[in-house]
Protein backbone atom coordinates (compact mmCIF):
# COMPACT_ATOMS: atom_id res chain seq x y z
CA UNK A 1 119.30 129.92 90.78
CA UNK A 2 116.00 130.78 92.45
CA UNK A 3 114.16 128.68 94.96
CA UNK A 4 110.45 128.89 95.57
CA UNK A 5 109.70 129.12 99.27
CA UNK A 6 106.23 128.05 100.31
CA UNK A 7 104.19 130.35 102.49
CA UNK A 8 104.52 129.36 106.13
CA UNK A 9 101.63 127.46 107.66
CA UNK A 10 99.30 129.57 109.77
CA UNK A 11 100.36 129.70 113.40
CA UNK A 12 97.84 127.94 115.60
CA UNK A 13 96.61 129.62 118.76
CA UNK A 14 94.17 128.65 121.48
CA UNK A 15 91.57 130.86 119.79
CA UNK A 16 91.72 129.04 116.43
CA UNK A 17 88.57 127.41 115.14
CA UNK A 18 88.13 125.30 112.05
CA UNK A 19 85.74 123.31 109.93
CA UNK A 20 87.00 120.34 107.91
CA UNK A 21 84.82 119.78 104.86
CA UNK A 22 84.49 116.75 102.60
CA UNK A 23 85.46 117.98 99.14
CA UNK A 24 83.40 115.50 97.14
CA UNK A 25 80.52 116.56 94.93
CA UNK A 26 82.10 119.77 93.66
CA UNK A 27 80.37 121.97 96.24
CA UNK A 28 83.28 122.70 98.56
CA UNK A 29 84.60 125.69 96.57
CA UNK A 30 81.15 127.25 96.70
CA UNK A 31 80.87 126.61 100.44
CA UNK A 32 84.29 128.25 100.97
CA UNK A 33 83.14 131.25 98.90
CA UNK A 34 80.05 131.51 101.13
CA UNK A 35 82.24 131.31 104.25
CA UNK A 36 84.38 134.14 102.83
CA UNK A 37 81.20 136.19 102.22
CA UNK A 38 80.03 135.64 105.81
CA UNK A 39 83.42 136.45 107.35
CA UNK A 40 84.69 139.55 105.53
CA UNK A 41 86.60 140.82 108.58
CA UNK A 42 88.20 137.46 109.45
CA UNK A 43 91.49 136.15 108.05
CA UNK A 44 90.66 132.67 106.75
CA UNK A 45 93.20 129.92 106.18
CA UNK A 46 92.15 127.27 103.66
CA UNK A 47 94.21 124.11 103.34
CA UNK A 48 93.29 121.63 100.62
CA UNK A 49 94.12 118.04 101.55
CA UNK A 50 92.63 116.55 98.38
CA UNK A 51 89.43 114.91 99.58
CA UNK A 52 89.23 117.18 102.67
CA UNK A 53 89.50 120.95 103.02
CA UNK A 54 90.34 122.62 106.35
CA UNK A 55 88.99 126.16 106.78
CA UNK A 56 90.32 127.87 109.90
CA UNK A 57 90.29 131.31 111.49
CA UNK A 58 90.91 133.02 114.78
CA UNK A 59 87.94 133.06 117.19
CA UNK A 60 84.97 132.47 114.88
CA UNK A 61 83.66 131.11 111.58
CA UNK A 62 80.16 131.79 110.33
CA UNK A 63 78.26 130.23 107.44
CA UNK A 64 74.74 131.37 106.66
CA UNK A 65 72.21 129.61 104.48
CA UNK A 66 71.65 132.92 102.69
CA UNK A 67 75.30 133.11 101.53
CA UNK A 68 75.34 129.42 100.70
CA UNK A 69 72.27 129.77 98.49
CA UNK A 70 73.69 132.93 96.88
CA UNK A 71 76.94 131.16 95.97
CA UNK A 72 75.46 127.86 94.82
CA UNK A 73 72.14 128.93 93.35
CA UNK A 74 70.75 125.79 94.97
CA UNK A 75 68.12 125.49 97.65
CA UNK A 76 70.54 124.26 100.31
CA UNK A 77 70.22 124.45 104.05
CA UNK A 78 72.32 124.01 107.16
CA UNK A 79 71.65 120.25 107.01
CA UNK A 80 73.51 120.13 103.67
CA UNK A 81 76.52 121.76 105.30
CA UNK A 82 76.33 119.28 108.19
CA UNK A 83 76.59 116.48 105.62
CA UNK A 84 79.86 117.99 104.34
CA UNK A 85 81.46 118.58 107.76
CA UNK A 86 83.90 115.84 108.72
CA UNK A 87 85.13 117.52 111.90
CA UNK A 88 85.48 120.89 113.56
CA UNK A 89 87.56 122.58 116.26
CA UNK A 90 85.75 124.93 118.63
CA UNK A 91 82.18 125.17 119.83
CA UNK A 92 79.68 124.66 117.04
CA UNK A 93 76.18 126.12 117.11
CA UNK A 94 73.79 125.33 114.28
CA UNK A 95 70.33 126.68 113.56
CA UNK A 96 68.09 126.42 110.53
CA UNK A 97 69.79 129.43 108.93
CA UNK A 98 73.43 129.39 110.12
CA UNK A 99 76.38 127.37 111.37
CA UNK A 100 78.77 129.15 113.75
CA UNK A 101 82.02 127.84 115.23
CA UNK A 102 83.53 129.88 118.06
CA UNK A 103 86.47 129.49 120.40
CA UNK A 104 86.02 129.26 124.14
CA UNK A 105 82.25 129.25 123.88
CA UNK A 106 82.22 132.87 122.60
């Protein structure tokens, strides 16, 4: 008899940052794809909670409007991402062309 063992949850550290996104509207998968594009050297952990999706990483997460527009094909901006963000862990900096979450103010 075989048993399926779930992958262990990512271990949280003091350097972890995250963005919790509202999943409604069908855009969240495209936003996650854009986050993956903007963070090719970062191990991302994505946890789907149904109506919310938690995207976390160690030290930093970046999302640029350029990647968001590339993935969606829509003329979206940082304000559209702000509307999807329910909460975040870390220090968030947002400009007209990017949203960055860093740990320890880095």
